[in-house]
N, C-alpha and C. Protein backbone atom coordinates (compact mmCIF):
# COMPACT_ATOMS: atom_id res chain seq x y z
N MET A 1 -29.08 30.46 -72.79
CA MET A 1 -27.99 30.10 -71.66
C MET A 1 -28.25 30.57 -70.50
N MET A 2 -27.96 29.17 -69.65
CA MET A 2 -28.43 29.49 -67.91
C MET A 2 -27.00 30.28 -67.13
N ILE A 3 -27.47 31.18 -66.50
CA ILE A 3 -26.68 31.65 -65.58
C ILE A 3 -27.01 31.17 -64.13
N ARG A 4 -25.71 30.78 -63.81
CA ARG A 4 -25.62 30.29 -62.19
C ARG A 4 -25.38 31.21 -61.41
N LYS A 5 -25.68 31.57 -60.67
CA LYS A 5 -25.61 32.18 -59.09
C LYS A 5 -24.66 31.35 -58.20
N TYR A 6 -23.57 31.93 -57.70
CA TYR A 6 -22.65 31.34 -56.53
C TYR A 6 -23.61 31.18 -55.46
N ASP A 7 -23.65 30.36 -54.82
CA ASP A 7 -24.79 30.46 -53.58
C ASP A 7 -23.68 29.71 -52.09
N PRO A 8 -23.34 30.79 -51.38
CA PRO A 8 -22.23 30.34 -50.38
C PRO A 8 -23.00 29.44 -49.47
N HIS A 9 -24.09 29.28 -49.22
CA HIS A 9 -24.82 28.73 -48.12
C HIS A 9 -24.68 27.20 -48.44
N SER A 10 -24.94 26.92 -50.08
CA SER A 10 -24.95 25.24 -50.56
C SER A 10 -23.41 25.12 -50.66
N GLU A 11 -22.49 26.11 -50.83
CA GLU A 11 -21.04 25.95 -50.84
C GLU A 11 -20.77 25.23 -49.57
N LEU A 12 -21.13 26.20 -48.13
CA LEU A 12 -20.53 25.73 -47.12
C LEU A 12 -21.17 24.16 -47.01
N GLU A 13 -22.62 24.01 -47.21
CA GLU A 13 -23.32 22.56 -47.15
C GLU A 13 -22.12 21.47 -47.74
N ILE A 14 -21.86 21.93 -48.75
CA ILE A 14 -20.96 20.59 -49.66
C ILE A 14 -19.78 20.20 -48.98
N ARG A 15 -19.16 21.86 -48.55
CA ARG A 15 -18.02 21.80 -47.98
C ARG A 15 -17.91 20.61 -46.65
N SER A 16 -18.58 21.03 -45.95
CA SER A 16 -19.37 20.54 -44.55
C SER A 16 -19.58 19.33 -44.77
N GLN A 17 -20.02 18.41 -45.50
CA GLN A 17 -20.83 17.06 -45.91
C GLN A 17 -19.13 16.76 -46.46
N HIS A 18 -18.32 16.95 -47.09
CA HIS A 18 -16.81 16.63 -47.58
C HIS A 18 -15.95 15.82 -46.25
N LEU A 19 -16.14 17.19 -45.52
CA LEU A 19 -15.18 17.03 -43.80
C LEU A 19 -16.09 16.20 -42.93
N ALA A 20 -17.40 15.95 -42.98
CA ALA A 20 -17.81 14.79 -42.35
C ALA A 20 -17.38 13.67 -42.89
N ALA A 21 -17.45 13.73 -44.04
CA ALA A 21 -17.00 12.28 -44.52
C ALA A 21 -15.86 11.93 -44.01
N PHE A 22 -14.54 12.73 -43.46
CA PHE A 22 -13.49 12.10 -42.86
C PHE A 22 -13.72 12.33 -41.67
N MET A 23 -14.51 12.94 -40.83
CA MET A 23 -14.98 12.50 -39.49
C MET A 23 -15.57 10.98 -39.35
N TYR A 24 -16.35 10.44 -40.15
CA TYR A 24 -16.61 9.27 -40.22
C TYR A 24 -16.04 8.41 -40.07
N ILE A 25 -14.96 8.47 -41.34
CA ILE A 25 -13.96 7.66 -41.36
C ILE A 25 -13.24 7.34 -40.44
N LEU A 26 -13.01 8.50 -39.91
CA LEU A 26 -11.86 8.27 -38.53
C LEU A 26 -12.77 7.94 -37.01
N GLY A 27 -14.15 7.38 -37.11
CA GLY A 27 -14.75 6.98 -36.64
C GLY A 27 -14.97 8.10 -35.07
N ILE A 28 -15.34 9.20 -35.54
CA ILE A 28 -15.61 10.46 -34.74
C ILE A 28 -17.27 10.50 -34.73
N ASP A 29 -17.60 10.30 -33.37
CA ASP A 29 -19.22 10.69 -33.03
C ASP A 29 -19.53 11.95 -33.68
N GLU A 30 -21.14 11.78 -34.33
CA GLU A 30 -21.80 12.93 -34.83
C GLU A 30 -21.91 14.11 -33.67
N ASP A 31 -22.14 13.50 -32.79
CA ASP A 31 -21.99 14.88 -31.87
C ASP A 31 -20.99 15.73 -31.39
N LYS A 32 -19.69 14.81 -32.10
CA LYS A 32 -18.79 15.64 -31.47
C LYS A 32 -18.40 16.62 -32.61
N PHE A 33 -18.94 16.69 -33.89
CA PHE A 33 -18.33 17.30 -35.26
C PHE A 33 -18.25 18.95 -34.91
N ASP A 34 -19.30 19.39 -34.08
CA ASP A 34 -19.12 20.83 -33.56
C ASP A 34 -18.02 21.27 -33.01
N THR A 35 -17.63 20.64 -32.13
CA THR A 35 -16.22 20.48 -30.77
C THR A 35 -15.08 20.30 -31.39
N ILE A 36 -14.76 19.52 -32.55
CA ILE A 36 -13.22 18.78 -32.44
C ILE A 36 -13.04 20.03 -33.30
N THR A 37 -11.46 20.17 -33.43
CA THR A 37 -10.50 20.82 -34.16
C THR A 37 -9.76 19.90 -35.05
N ILE A 38 -9.12 20.89 -35.84
CA ILE A 38 -8.19 20.29 -36.83
C ILE A 38 -6.71 19.56 -36.00
N ASP A 39 -6.66 20.36 -35.23
CA ASP A 39 -5.74 19.63 -34.34
C ASP A 39 -5.81 18.38 -33.92
N ASP A 40 -7.08 18.12 -33.33
CA ASP A 40 -7.44 16.81 -32.75
C ASP A 40 -7.77 15.99 -33.68
N LEU A 41 -8.13 16.04 -35.31
CA LEU A 41 -8.18 15.38 -36.55
C LEU A 41 -6.91 14.38 -36.77
N ILE A 42 -6.25 15.83 -36.83
CA ILE A 42 -4.79 15.14 -37.21
C ILE A 42 -3.92 14.06 -36.12
N SER A 43 -4.09 14.76 -34.83
CA SER A 43 -3.70 13.47 -33.38
C SER A 43 -4.27 12.37 -33.85
N LEU A 44 -5.54 12.10 -34.03
CA LEU A 44 -6.37 11.44 -33.97
C LEU A 44 -5.54 10.51 -35.69
N ILE A 45 -5.20 11.27 -36.58
CA ILE A 45 -4.72 10.11 -37.63
C ILE A 45 -3.54 9.69 -37.17
N ARG A 46 -2.49 10.72 -36.63
CA ARG A 46 -1.19 10.09 -36.50
C ARG A 46 -1.07 9.36 -35.40
N VAL A 47 -2.35 8.88 -34.50
CA VAL A 47 -2.35 7.41 -33.21
C VAL A 47 -2.88 6.15 -34.09
N ASN A 48 -3.98 6.46 -35.01
CA ASN A 48 -4.26 5.47 -35.64
C ASN A 48 -4.08 5.03 -36.50
N TYR A 49 -3.13 5.84 -37.63
CA TYR A 49 -2.25 5.03 -38.84
C TYR A 49 -0.29 5.65 -38.43
N ALA A 50 -0.14 5.38 -37.51
CA ALA A 50 1.11 5.31 -36.79
C ALA A 50 2.10 4.47 -37.77
N TYR A 51 3.19 4.75 -38.12
CA TYR A 51 4.16 3.91 -38.50
C TYR A 51 5.47 4.36 -38.08
N ASP A 52 6.43 3.65 -37.98
CA ASP A 52 7.83 3.82 -37.70
C ASP A 52 8.87 4.08 -38.92
N HIS A 53 10.07 4.46 -38.72
CA HIS A 53 10.85 4.36 -39.97
C HIS A 53 11.49 3.65 -40.00
N ASP A 54 11.55 2.62 -39.17
CA ASP A 54 12.40 1.00 -39.28
C ASP A 54 11.78 0.38 -40.87
N ILE A 55 12.53 0.10 -41.35
CA ILE A 55 12.29 -0.60 -42.93
C ILE A 55 12.82 -2.06 -43.10
N SER A 56 13.37 -2.64 -41.33
CA SER A 56 13.61 -3.55 -41.57
C SER A 56 12.89 -5.08 -41.69
N LEU A 57 11.94 -4.45 -41.59
CA LEU A 57 10.46 -5.67 -41.51
C LEU A 57 9.33 -5.35 -42.33
N ASP A 58 8.92 -6.18 -43.35
CA ASP A 58 7.38 -5.97 -43.72
C ASP A 58 7.20 -4.62 -44.14
N VAL A 59 7.69 -4.26 -45.40
CA VAL A 59 7.99 -2.75 -45.90
C VAL A 59 6.76 -2.60 -46.46
N ALA A 60 5.97 -3.58 -46.79
CA ALA A 60 4.99 -2.80 -47.89
C ALA A 60 3.63 -2.69 -47.02
N SER A 61 3.42 -3.33 -45.62
CA SER A 61 2.52 -2.81 -45.01
C SER A 61 2.87 -1.42 -43.96
N LYS A 62 3.88 -1.31 -43.99
CA LYS A 62 4.10 0.19 -43.50
C LYS A 62 4.24 1.41 -44.60
N GLU A 63 4.51 1.07 -45.59
CA GLU A 63 4.29 1.75 -46.53
C GLU A 63 2.83 1.95 -46.65
N TYR A 64 2.02 1.01 -46.74
CA TYR A 64 0.42 1.46 -46.91
C TYR A 64 0.21 2.15 -45.67
N ILE A 65 0.35 1.75 -44.45
CA ILE A 65 -0.21 2.54 -43.50
C ILE A 65 0.43 4.24 -43.71
N LYS A 66 1.69 4.33 -43.73
CA LYS A 66 1.98 5.61 -44.16
C LYS A 66 1.41 6.27 -44.92
N LYS A 67 1.05 5.82 -46.36
CA LYS A 67 0.37 6.41 -47.28
C LYS A 67 -1.30 6.80 -46.95
N GLN A 68 -1.62 6.16 -46.33
CA GLN A 68 -3.26 6.35 -45.75
C GLN A 68 -2.77 7.16 -44.97
N ASN A 69 -1.89 7.69 -43.63
CA ASN A 69 -1.57 8.29 -42.98
C ASN A 69 -1.47 9.85 -43.91
N ILE A 70 -0.88 9.70 -44.80
CA ILE A 70 -0.62 11.02 -45.55
C ILE A 70 -1.43 11.43 -46.47
N SER A 71 -2.49 10.61 -46.78
CA SER A 71 -3.78 10.78 -47.82
C SER A 71 -4.82 11.23 -46.90
N LEU A 72 -5.33 10.65 -45.77
CA LEU A 72 -6.11 11.46 -44.49
C LEU A 72 -5.72 12.72 -44.33
N SER A 73 -4.42 12.93 -43.72
CA SER A 73 -4.03 14.08 -43.54
C SER A 73 -3.91 15.43 -44.33
N ARG A 74 -3.97 15.11 -45.71
CA ARG A 74 -4.23 15.91 -46.60
C ARG A 74 -5.32 16.48 -46.77
N GLY A 75 -6.21 15.43 -46.97
CA GLY A 75 -7.86 15.43 -47.35
C GLY A 75 -8.11 15.96 -46.10
N VAL A 76 -7.89 15.83 -44.98
CA VAL A 76 -8.58 16.29 -43.69
C VAL A 76 -8.28 17.91 -44.00
N ARG A 77 -7.05 18.40 -44.16
CA ARG A 77 -6.45 19.49 -43.73
C ARG A 77 -7.44 20.53 -45.03
N ARG A 78 -7.22 19.74 -46.28
CA ARG A 78 -8.14 20.46 -47.64
C ARG A 78 -9.76 20.65 -47.07
N ALA A 79 -10.34 19.60 -46.36
CA ALA A 79 -11.41 19.81 -46.19
C ALA A 79 -11.86 20.79 -45.31
N TRP A 80 -10.88 20.51 -44.17
CA TRP A 80 -10.79 21.73 -42.80
C TRP A 80 -10.87 23.36 -43.52
N PHE A 81 -9.91 23.64 -44.25
CA PHE A 81 -9.42 24.74 -45.02
C PHE A 81 -10.90 25.51 -45.47
N ASP A 82 -11.21 24.42 -46.61
CA ASP A 82 -12.68 24.44 -47.50
C ASP A 82 -13.79 25.17 -46.85
N VAL A 83 -13.90 24.15 -45.50
CA VAL A 83 -15.31 24.50 -44.72
C VAL A 83 -14.74 26.01 -44.08
N GLN A 84 -13.79 26.28 -43.82
CA GLN A 84 -13.20 27.71 -42.72
C GLN A 84 -13.44 28.94 -44.17
N PHE A 85 -13.14 28.44 -45.52
CA PHE A 85 -13.01 29.41 -46.19
C PHE A 85 -15.03 29.69 -46.78
N ALA A 86 -15.55 28.64 -46.62
CA ALA A 86 -16.57 28.76 -47.30
C ALA A 86 -17.58 29.48 -46.25
N GLY A 87 -17.19 29.18 -45.01
CA GLY A 87 -17.92 29.77 -43.76
C GLY A 87 -17.54 31.49 -43.66
N TYR A 88 -16.71 31.88 -44.25
CA TYR A 88 -16.00 33.06 -44.34
C TYR A 88 -16.93 34.02 -45.37
N GLU A 89 -17.53 32.96 -46.52
CA GLU A 89 -18.10 33.61 -47.76
C GLU A 89 -19.26 33.62 -46.98
N VAL A 90 -19.87 33.06 -46.46
CA VAL A 90 -21.47 33.19 -45.65
C VAL A 90 -21.14 34.32 -44.67
N GLY A 91 -20.23 34.57 -43.89
CA GLY A 91 -20.39 35.56 -42.91
C GLY A 91 -20.52 37.03 -43.61
N ASN A 92 -19.45 36.69 -44.86
CA ASN A 92 -19.15 38.33 -45.44
C ASN A 92 -20.25 38.61 -47.01
N GLU A 93 -21.19 37.71 -46.60
CA GLU A 93 -22.18 38.16 -47.84
C GLU A 93 -22.56 39.83 -48.31
């Protein structure tokens, strides 16, 4: 039986790649990855995937944009938290 040891550095790398995938989806340049904040990411999602609550016209497309907004926001928040947690683990080895 092989015993696997938890490696916080590899965990941080994997989590950082997940967050980077969301940043690529949002069209962020790779040179800005280190300086962007979670607030910037959420604001960018809200601008690029904006929807209004008027349901009188074209309900399907508004619903699609709304679901994209929600999915991206949740994914970015989860990925950001995972990176922060993994960074904490690396710092407290």
